[in-house]
PDB file of all heavy atoms in Angstrom:
ATOM      1  N   GLU A   1      18.055  -3.530  69.806  1.00  0.00           N
ATOM      2  CA  GLU A   1      17.029  -4.278  70.543  1.00  0.00           C
ATOM      3  C   GLU A   1      15.624  -3.933  70.037  1.00  0.00           C
ATOM      4  O   GLU A   1      14.799  -4.821  69.813  1.00  0.00           O
ATOM      5  CB  GLU A   1      17.145  -3.980  72.032  1.00  0.00           C
ATOM      6  CG  GLU A   1      16.187  -4.781  72.889  1.00  0.00           C
ATOM      7  CD  GLU A   1      16.381  -4.531  74.376  1.00  0.00           C
ATOM      8  OE1 GLU A   1      17.365  -3.860  74.748  1.00  0.00           O
ATOM      9  OE2 GLU A   1      15.534  -5.012  75.169  1.00  0.00           O
ATOM     10  N   THR A   2      15.389  -2.637  69.842  1.00  0.00           N
ATOM     11  CA  THR A   2      14.079  -2.218  69.337  1.00  0.00           C
ATOM     12  C   THR A   2      13.863  -2.709  67.917  1.00  0.00           C
ATOM     13  O   THR A   2      12.768  -3.139  67.560  1.00  0.00           O
ATOM     14  CB  THR A   2      13.963  -0.679  69.378  1.00  0.00           C
ATOM     15  OG1 THR A   2      14.190  -0.225  70.709  1.00  0.00           O
ATOM     16  CG2 THR A   2      12.590  -0.220  68.909  1.00  0.00           C
ATOM     17  N   ARG A   3      14.914  -2.655  67.107  1.00  0.00           N
ATOM     18  CA  ARG A   3      14.817  -3.108  65.715  1.00  0.00           C
ATOM     19  C   ARG A   3      14.459  -4.591  65.654  1.00  0.00           C
ATOM     20  O   ARG A   3      13.586  -4.999  64.875  1.00  0.00           O
ATOM     21  CB  ARG A   3      16.139  -2.840  64.997  1.00  0.00           C
ATOM     22  CG  ARG A   3      16.105  -3.108  63.501  1.00  0.00           C
ATOM     23  CD  ARG A   3      17.365  -2.596  62.820  1.00  0.00           C
ATOM     24  NE  ARG A   3      18.579  -3.244  63.273  1.00  0.00           N
ATOM     25  CZ  ARG A   3      19.527  -2.640  64.000  1.00  0.00           C
ATOM     26  NH1 ARG A   3      19.384  -1.378  64.368  1.00  0.00           N
ATOM     27  NH2 ARG A   3      20.616  -3.299  64.371  1.00  0.00           N
ATOM     28  N   ASP A   4      15.119  -5.401  66.482  1.00  0.00           N
ATOM     29  CA  ASP A   4      14.828  -6.832  66.493  1.00  0.00           C
ATOM     30  C   ASP A   4      13.408  -7.108  66.997  1.00  0.00           C
ATOM     31  O   ASP A   4      12.709  -7.996  66.486  1.00  0.00           O
ATOM     32  CB  ASP A   4      15.830  -7.572  67.380  1.00  0.00           C
ATOM     33  CG  ASP A   4      17.233  -7.591  66.775  1.00  0.00           C
ATOM     34  OD1 ASP A   4      17.357  -7.308  65.564  1.00  0.00           O
ATOM     35  OD2 ASP A   4      18.188  -7.874  67.523  1.00  0.00           O
ATOM     36  N   TYR A   5      12.985  -6.335  67.989  1.00  0.00           N
ATOM     37  CA  TYR A   5      11.628  -6.482  68.537  1.00  0.00           C
ATOM     38  C   TYR A   5      10.587  -6.153  67.476  1.00  0.00           C
ATOM     39  O   TYR A   5       9.596  -6.878  67.304  1.00  0.00           O
ATOM     40  CB  TYR A   5      11.497  -5.567  69.744  1.00  0.00           C
ATOM     41  CG  TYR A   5      10.126  -5.528  70.382  1.00  0.00           C
ATOM     42  CD1 TYR A   5       9.528  -6.679  70.890  1.00  0.00           C
ATOM     43  CD2 TYR A   5       9.441  -4.325  70.498  1.00  0.00           C
ATOM     44  CE1 TYR A   5       8.274  -6.635  71.491  1.00  0.00           C
ATOM     45  CE2 TYR A   5       8.187  -4.266  71.100  1.00  0.00           C
ATOM     46  CZ  TYR A   5       7.612  -5.420  71.596  1.00  0.00           C
ATOM     47  OH  TYR A   5       6.383  -5.365  72.190  1.00  0.00           O
ATOM     48  N   LEU A   6      10.806  -5.075  66.732  1.00  0.00           N
ATOM     49  CA  LEU A   6       9.887  -4.681  65.667  1.00  0.00           C
ATOM     50  C   LEU A   6       9.833  -5.740  64.569  1.00  0.00           C
ATOM     51  O   LEU A   6       8.750  -6.152  64.136  1.00  0.00           O
ATOM     52  CB  LEU A   6      10.328  -3.347  65.064  1.00  0.00           C
ATOM     53  CG  LEU A   6      10.087  -2.097  65.902  1.00  0.00           C
ATOM     54  CD1 LEU A   6      10.881  -0.912  65.335  1.00  0.00           C
ATOM     55  CD2 LEU A   6       8.601  -1.768  65.935  1.00  0.00           C
ATOM     56  N   ALA A   7      10.997  -6.167  64.114  1.00  0.00           N
ATOM     57  CA  ALA A   7      11.047  -7.138  63.030  1.00  0.00           C
ATOM     58  C   ALA A   7      10.376  -8.441  63.426  1.00  0.00           C
ATOM     59  O   ALA A   7       9.606  -9.040  62.659  1.00  0.00           O
ATOM     60  CB  ALA A   7      12.498  -7.386  62.617  1.00  0.00           C
ATOM     61  N   SER A   8      10.630  -8.890  64.654  1.00  0.00           N
ATOM     62  CA  SER A   8      10.051 -10.145  65.126  1.00  0.00           C
ATOM     63  C   SER A   8       8.530 -10.041  65.222  1.00  0.00           C
ATOM     64  O   SER A   8       7.798 -10.942  64.773  1.00  0.00           O
ATOM     65  CB  SER A   8      10.642 -10.492  66.498  1.00  0.00           C
ATOM     66  OG  SER A   8      10.044 -11.655  67.028  1.00  0.00           O
ATOM     67  N   GLY A   9       8.044  -8.947  65.789  1.00  0.00           N
ATOM     68  CA  GLY A   9       6.602  -8.782  65.943  1.00  0.00           C
ATOM     69  C   GLY A   9       5.874  -8.667  64.618  1.00  0.00           C
ATOM     70  O   GLY A   9       4.796  -9.237  64.429  1.00  0.00           O
ATOM     71  N   LEU A  10       6.457  -7.926  63.692  1.00  0.00           N
ATOM     72  CA  LEU A  10       5.837  -7.750  62.382  1.00  0.00           C
ATOM     73  C   LEU A  10       5.850  -9.047  61.583  1.00  0.00           C
ATOM     74  O   LEU A  10       4.874  -9.382  60.903  1.00  0.00           O
ATOM     75  CB  LEU A  10       6.550  -6.636  61.616  1.00  0.00           C
ATOM     76  CG  LEU A  10       6.258  -5.212  62.122  1.00  0.00           C
ATOM     77  CD1 LEU A  10       7.324  -4.233  61.647  1.00  0.00           C
ATOM     78  CD2 LEU A  10       4.876  -4.754  61.648  1.00  0.00           C
ATOM     79  N   ARG A  11       6.943  -9.785  61.662  1.00  0.00           N
ATOM     80  CA  ARG A  11       7.005 -11.069  60.955  1.00  0.00           C
ATOM     81  C   ARG A  11       5.990 -12.049  61.522  1.00  0.00           C
ATOM     82  O   ARG A  11       5.349 -12.800  60.774  1.00  0.00           O
ATOM     83  CB  ARG A  11       8.420 -11.639  61.033  1.00  0.00           C
ATOM     84  CG  ARG A  11       9.409 -10.918  60.132  1.00  0.00           C
ATOM     85  CD  ARG A  11      10.817 -11.445  60.275  1.00  0.00           C
ATOM     86  NE  ARG A  11      11.744 -10.704  59.422  1.00  0.00           N
ATOM     87  CZ  ARG A  11      12.917 -10.225  59.817  1.00  0.00           C
ATOM     88  NH1 ARG A  11      13.343 -10.443  61.065  1.00  0.00           N
ATOM     89  NH2 ARG A  11      13.684  -9.552  58.980  1.00  0.00           N
ATOM     90  N   ALA A  12       5.852 -12.059  62.841  1.00  0.00           N
ATOM     91  CA  ALA A  12       4.874 -12.947  63.467  1.00  0.00           C
ATOM     92  C   ALA A  12       3.457 -12.603  63.026  1.00  0.00           C
ATOM     93  O   ALA A  12       2.572 -13.473  62.995  1.00  0.00           O
ATOM     94  CB  ALA A  12       4.989 -12.865  64.986  1.00  0.00           C
ATOM     95  N   ALA A  13       3.240 -11.332  62.668  1.00  0.00           N
ATOM     96  CA  ALA A  13       1.921 -10.891  62.208  1.00  0.00           C
ATOM     97  C   ALA A  13       1.726 -11.125  60.716  1.00  0.00           C
ATOM     98  O   ALA A  13       0.664 -10.804  60.177  1.00  0.00           O
ATOM     99  CB  ALA A  13       1.729  -9.410  62.527  1.00  0.00           C
ATOM    100  N   GLY A  14       2.755 -11.647  60.037  1.00  0.00           N
ATOM    101  CA  GLY A  14       2.602 -12.015  58.635  1.00  0.00           C
ATOM    102  C   GLY A  14       3.217 -11.072  57.628  1.00  0.00           C
ATOM    103  O   GLY A  14       3.018 -11.243  56.417  1.00  0.00           O
ATOM    104  N   TYR A  15       4.001 -10.086  58.085  1.00  0.00           N
ATOM    105  CA  TYR A  15       4.627  -9.152  57.156  1.00  0.00           C
ATOM    106  C   TYR A  15       6.001  -9.669  56.732  1.00  0.00           C
ATOM    107  O   TYR A  15       6.696 -10.336  57.502  1.00  0.00           O
ATOM    108  CB  TYR A  15       4.815  -7.783  57.817  1.00  0.00           C
ATOM    109  CG  TYR A  15       3.520  -7.075  58.126  1.00  0.00           C
ATOM    110  CD1 TYR A  15       2.860  -7.297  59.334  1.00  0.00           C
ATOM    111  CD2 TYR A  15       2.936  -6.198  57.219  1.00  0.00           C
ATOM    112  CE1 TYR A  15       1.660  -6.668  59.628  1.00  0.00           C
ATOM    113  CE2 TYR A  15       1.741  -5.558  57.504  1.00  0.00           C
ATOM    114  CZ  TYR A  15       1.110  -5.805  58.710  1.00  0.00           C
ATOM    115  OH  TYR A  15      -0.081  -5.178  59.000  1.00  0.00           O
ATOM    116  N   ALA A  16       6.383  -9.337  55.502  1.00  0.00           N
ATOM    117  CA  ALA A  16       7.747  -9.570  55.044  1.00  0.00           C
ATOM    118  C   ALA A  16       8.549  -8.342  55.444  1.00  0.00           C
ATOM    119  O   ALA A  16       8.265  -7.234  54.985  1.00  0.00           O
ATOM    120  CB  ALA A  16       7.787  -9.777  53.536  1.00  0.00           C
ATOM    121  N   VAL A  17       9.550  -8.511  56.300  1.00  0.00           N
ATOM    122  CA  VAL A  17      10.224  -7.376  56.931  1.00  0.00           C
ATOM    123  C   VAL A  17      11.693  -7.308  56.534  1.00  0.00           C
ATOM    124  O   VAL A  17      12.400  -8.310  56.536  1.00  0.00           O
ATOM    125  CB  VAL A  17      10.119  -7.465  58.473  1.00  0.00           C
ATOM    126  CG1 VAL A  17      10.825  -6.270  59.131  1.00  0.00           C
ATOM    127  CG2 VAL A  17       8.664  -7.524  58.912  1.00  0.00           C
ATOM    128  N   VAL A  18      12.123  -6.090  56.184  1.00  0.00           N
ATOM    129  CA  VAL A  18      13.538  -5.785  56.038  1.00  0.00           C
ATOM    130  C   VAL A  18      13.842  -4.678  57.041  1.00  0.00           C
ATOM    131  O   VAL A  18      13.096  -3.698  57.134  1.00  0.00           O
ATOM    132  CB  VAL A  18      13.879  -5.320  54.610  1.00  0.00           C
ATOM    133  CG1 VAL A  18      15.319  -4.810  54.538  1.00  0.00           C
ATOM    134  CG2 VAL A  18      13.657  -6.452  53.613  1.00  0.00           C
ATOM    135  N   ALA A  19      14.910  -4.834  57.802  1.00  0.00           N
ATOM    136  CA  ALA A  19      15.248  -3.863  58.841  1.00  0.00           C
ATOM    137  C   ALA A  19      16.615  -3.242  58.570  1.00  0.00           C
ATOM    138  O   ALA A  19      17.572  -3.950  58.247  1.00  0.00           O
ATOM    139  CB  ALA A  19      15.233  -4.526  60.213  1.00  0.00           C
ATOM    140  N   GLU A  20      16.698  -1.915  58.694  1.00  0.00           N
ATOM    141  CA  GLU A  20      17.955  -1.187  58.526  1.00  0.00           C
ATOM    142  C   GLU A  20      18.206  -0.318  59.755  1.00  0.00           C
ATOM    143  O   GLU A  20      17.276   0.011  60.498  1.00  0.00           O
ATOM    144  CB  GLU A  20      17.922  -0.320  57.272  1.00  0.00           C
ATOM    145  CG  GLU A  20      17.866  -1.114  55.972  1.00  0.00           C
ATOM    146  CD  GLU A  20      19.133  -1.918  55.703  1.00  0.00           C
ATOM    147  OE1 GLU A  20      20.124  -1.780  56.473  1.00  0.00           O
ATOM    148  OE2 GLU A  20      19.142  -2.697  54.731  1.00  0.00           O
ATOM    149  N   HIS A  21      19.484   0.105  59.916  1.00  0.00           N
ATOM    150  CA  HIS A  21      19.874   0.743  61.175  1.00  0.00           C
ATOM    151  C   HIS A  21      20.175   2.236  61.071  1.00  0.00           C
ATOM    152  O   HIS A  21      20.380   2.883  62.089  1.00  0.00           O
ATOM    153  CB  HIS A  21      21.102   0.034  61.746  1.00  0.00           C
ATOM    154  CG  HIS A  21      22.333   0.222  60.912  1.00  0.00           C
ATOM    155  ND1 HIS A  21      22.505  -0.403  59.691  1.00  0.00           N
ATOM    156  CD2 HIS A  21      23.428   0.985  61.121  1.00  0.00           C
ATOM    157  CE1 HIS A  21      23.676  -0.049  59.192  1.00  0.00           C
ATOM    158  NE2 HIS A  21      24.249   0.791  60.030  1.00  0.00           N
ATOM    159  N   ASN A  22      20.222   2.792  59.854  1.00  0.00           N
ATOM    160  CA  ASN A  22      20.469   4.238  59.747  1.00  0.00           C
ATOM    161  C   ASN A  22      19.800   4.791  58.494  1.00  0.00           C
ATOM    162  O   ASN A  22      19.255   4.046  57.673  1.00  0.00           O
ATOM    163  CB  ASN A  22      21.975   4.560  59.765  1.00  0.00           C
ATOM    164  CG  ASN A  22      22.728   3.935  58.600  1.00  0.00           C
ATOM    165  OD1 ASN A  22      22.180   3.737  57.506  1.00  0.00           O
ATOM    166  ND2 ASN A  22      23.989   3.596  58.819  1.00  0.00           N
ATOM    167  N   SER A  23      19.862   6.111  58.348  1.00  0.00           N
ATOM    168  CA  SER A  23      19.133   6.750  57.259  1.00  0.00           C
ATOM    169  C   SER A  23      19.729   6.439  55.894  1.00  0.00           C
ATOM    170  O   SER A  23      18.996   6.331  54.909  1.00  0.00           O
ATOM    171  CB  SER A  23      19.084   8.269  57.480  1.00  0.00           C
ATOM    172  OG  SER A  23      20.385   8.808  57.603  1.00  0.00           O
ATOM    173  N   GLU A  24      21.052   6.287  55.813  1.00  0.00           N
ATOM    174  CA  GLU A  24      21.657   5.991  54.522  1.00  0.00           C
ATOM    175  C   GLU A  24      21.224   4.625  54.004  1.00  0.00           C
ATOM    176  O   GLU A  24      20.815   4.482  52.839  1.00  0.00           O
ATOM    177  CB  GLU A  24      23.196   6.036  54.618  1.00  0.00           C
ATOM    178  CG  GLU A  24      23.775   7.426  54.729  1.00  0.00           C
ATOM    179  CD  GLU A  24      23.717   7.969  56.147  1.00  0.00           C
ATOM    180  OE1 GLU A  24      23.324   7.222  57.067  1.00  0.00           O
ATOM    181  OE2 GLU A  24      24.056   9.154  56.336  1.00  0.00           O
ATOM    182  N   ALA A  25      21.301   3.612  54.866  1.00  0.00           N
ATOM    183  CA  ALA A  25      20.874   2.271  54.457  1.00  0.00           C
ATOM    184  C   ALA A  25      19.369   2.261  54.172  1.00  0.00           C
ATOM    185  O   ALA A  25      18.911   1.629  53.221  1.00  0.00           O
ATOM    186  CB  ALA A  25      21.210   1.258  55.560  1.00  0.00           C
ATOM    187  N   GLY A  26      18.609   2.979  54.986  1.00  0.00           N
ATOM    188  CA  GLY A  26      17.171   3.058  54.757  1.00  0.00           C
ATOM    189  C   GLY A  26      16.835   3.713  53.438  1.00  0.00           C
ATOM    190  O   GLY A  26      15.933   3.259  52.720  1.00  0.00           O
ATOM    191  N   ALA A  27      17.555   4.779  53.106  1.00  0.00           N
ATOM    192  CA  ALA A  27      17.311   5.484  51.844  1.00  0.00           C
ATOM    193  C   ALA A  27      17.573   4.574  50.656  1.00  0.00           C
ATOM    194  O   ALA A  27      16.824   4.598  49.669  1.00  0.00           O
ATOM    195  CB  ALA A  27      18.193   6.732  51.766  1.00  0.00           C
ATOM    196  N   ARG A  28      18.619   3.758  50.733  1.00  0.00           N
ATOM    197  CA  ARG A  28      18.908   2.827  49.642  1.00  0.00           C
ATOM    198  C   ARG A  28      17.795   1.793  49.493  1.00  0.00           C
ATOM    199  O   ARG A  28      17.358   1.490  48.387  1.00  0.00           O
ATOM    200  CB  ARG A  28      20.247   2.122  49.892  1.00  0.00           C
ATOM    201  CG  ARG A  28      21.476   3.025  49.712  1.00  0.00           C
ATOM    202  CD  ARG A  28      22.749   2.197  49.632  1.00  0.00           C
ATOM    203  NE  ARG A  28      23.004   1.493  50.883  1.00  0.00           N
ATOM    204  CZ  ARG A  28      23.697   1.994  51.902  1.00  0.00           C
ATOM    205  NH1 ARG A  28      24.198   3.229  51.825  1.00  0.00           N
ATOM    206  NH2 ARG A  28      23.898   1.287  53.001  1.00  0.00           N
ATOM    207  N   ARG A  29      17.318   1.271  50.616  1.00  0.00           N
ATOM    208  CA  ARG A  29      16.249   0.278  50.578  1.00  0.00           C
ATOM    209  C   ARG A  29      14.975   0.864  49.977  1.00  0.00           C
ATOM    210  O   ARG A  29      14.248   0.185  49.237  1.00  0.00           O
ATOM    211  CB  ARG A  29      15.963  -0.234  51.980  1.00  0.00           C
ATOM    212  CG  ARG A  29      17.037  -1.133  52.547  1.00  0.00           C
ATOM    213  CD  ARG A  29      17.030  -2.497  51.882  1.00  0.00           C
ATOM    214  NE  ARG A  29      17.929  -3.424  52.586  1.00  0.00           N
ATOM    215  CZ  ARG A  29      18.141  -4.672  52.226  1.00  0.00           C
ATOM    216  NH1 ARG A  29      17.520  -5.154  51.157  1.00  0.00           N
ATOM    217  NH2 ARG A  29      18.964  -5.453  52.907  1.00  0.00           N
ATOM    218  N   LEU A  30      14.693   2.106  50.301  1.00  0.00           N
ATOM    219  CA  LEU A  30      13.479   2.741  49.794  1.00  0.00           C
ATOM    220  C   LEU A  30      13.470   2.806  48.272  1.00  0.00           C
ATOM    221  O   LEU A  30      12.414   2.731  47.640  1.00  0.00           O
ATOM    222  CB  LEU A  30      13.348   4.152  50.369  1.00  0.00           C
ATOM    223  CG  LEU A  30      12.894   4.232  51.830  1.00  0.00           C
ATOM    224  CD1 LEU A  30      13.118   5.637  52.377  1.00  0.00           C
ATOM    225  CD2 LEU A  30      11.431   3.831  51.962  1.00  0.00           C
ATOM    226  N   LEU A  31      14.648   2.938  47.685  1.00  0.00           N
ATOM    227  CA  LEU A  31      14.752   3.041  46.234  1.00  0.00           C
ATOM    228  C   LEU A  31      14.833   1.684  45.546  1.00  0.00           C
ATOM    229  O   LEU A  31      14.623   1.583  44.338  1.00  0.00           O
ATOM    230  CB  LEU A  31      15.985   3.869  45.859  1.00  0.00           C
ATOM    231  CG  LEU A  31      15.967   5.341  46.286  1.00  0.00           C
ATOM    232  CD1 LEU A  31      17.320   5.988  45.999  1.00  0.00           C
ATOM    233  CD2 LEU A  31      14.848   6.089  45.588  1.00  0.00           C
ATOM    234  N   GLU A  32      15.122   0.649  46.317  1.00  0.00           N
ATOM    235  CA  GLU A  32      15.346  -0.671  45.730  1.00  0.00           C
ATOM    236  C   GLU A  32      14.067  -1.472  45.505  1.00  0.00           C
ATOM    237  O   GLU A  32      14.053  -2.390  44.686  1.00  0.00           O
ATOM    238  CB  GLU A  32      16.277  -1.490  46.641  1.00  0.00           C
ATOM    239  CG  GLU A  32      17.717  -1.004  46.633  1.00  0.00           C
ATOM    240  CD  GLU A  32      18.571  -1.739  47.651  1.00  0.00           C
ATOM    241  OE1 GLU A  32      18.017  -2.590  48.409  1.00  0.00           O
ATOM    242  OE2 GLU A  32      19.782  -1.481  47.715  1.00  0.00           O
ATOM    243  N   ALA A  33      13.025  -1.158  46.244  1.00  0.00           N
ATOM    244  CA  ALA A  33      11.826  -2.005  46.182  1.00  0.00           C
ATOM    245  C   ALA A  33      10.578  -1.173  46.454  1.00  0.00           C
ATOM    246  O   ALA A  33      10.650  -0.016  46.847  1.00  0.00           O
ATOM    247  CB  ALA A  33      11.933  -3.142  47.203  1.00  0.00           C
ATOM    248  N   ARG A  34       9.432  -1.800  46.237  1.00  0.00           N
ATOM    249  CA  ARG A  34       8.138  -1.185  46.556  1.00  0.00           C
ATOM    250  C   ARG A  34       7.719  -1.676  47.934  1.00  0.00           C
ATOM    251  O   ARG A  34       7.681  -2.868  48.197  1.00  0.00           O
ATOM    252  CB  ARG A  34       7.084  -1.582  45.524  1.00  0.00           C
ATOM    253  CG  ARG A  34       5.686  -1.077  45.843  1.00  0.00           C
ATOM    254  CD  ARG A  34       4.666  -1.682  44.907  1.00  0.00           C
ATOM    255  NE  ARG A  34       3.311  -1.347  45.294  1.00  0.00           N
ATOM    256  CZ  ARG A  34       2.619  -1.975  46.227  1.00  0.00           C
ATOM    257  NH1 ARG A  34       3.181  -2.989  46.887  1.00  0.00           N
ATOM    258  NH2 ARG A  34       1.392  -1.604  46.528  1.00  0.00           N
ATOM    259  N   TRP A  35       7.415  -0.732  48.811  1.00  0.00           N
ATOM    260  CA  TRP A  35       7.042  -1.065  50.181  1.00  0.00           C
ATOM    261  C   TRP A  35       5.582  -0.733  50.425  1.00  0.00           C
ATOM    262  O   TRP A  35       5.065   0.260  49.918  1.00  0.00           O
ATOM    263  CB  TRP A  35       7.936  -0.302  51.167  1.00  0.00           C
ATOM    264  CG  TRP A  35       9.387  -0.572  50.928  1.00  0.00           C
ATOM    265  CD1 TRP A  35      10.266   0.197  50.220  1.00  0.00           C
ATOM    266  CD2 TRP A  35      10.118  -1.726  51.351  1.00  0.00           C
ATOM    267  NE1 TRP A  35      11.501  -0.398  50.179  1.00  0.00           N
ATOM    268  CE2 TRP A  35      11.445  -1.577  50.872  1.00  0.00           C
ATOM    269  CE3 TRP A  35       9.787  -2.860  52.096  1.00  0.00           C
ATOM    270  CZ2 TRP A  35      12.421  -2.533  51.106  1.00  0.00           C
ATOM    271  CZ3 TRP A  35      10.758  -3.813  52.338  1.00  0.00           C
ATOM    272  CH2 TRP A  35      12.063  -3.640  51.845  1.00  0.00           C
TER     273      TRP A  35
END
């Protein structure tokens, strides 16, 4: 619920958002792109 709320609010503010649910998936995303 919090993840969806964050993603929705940030997108509405004009950010391109990718959301992940745990540290392993987050760690992979961090290495895949420039944030």
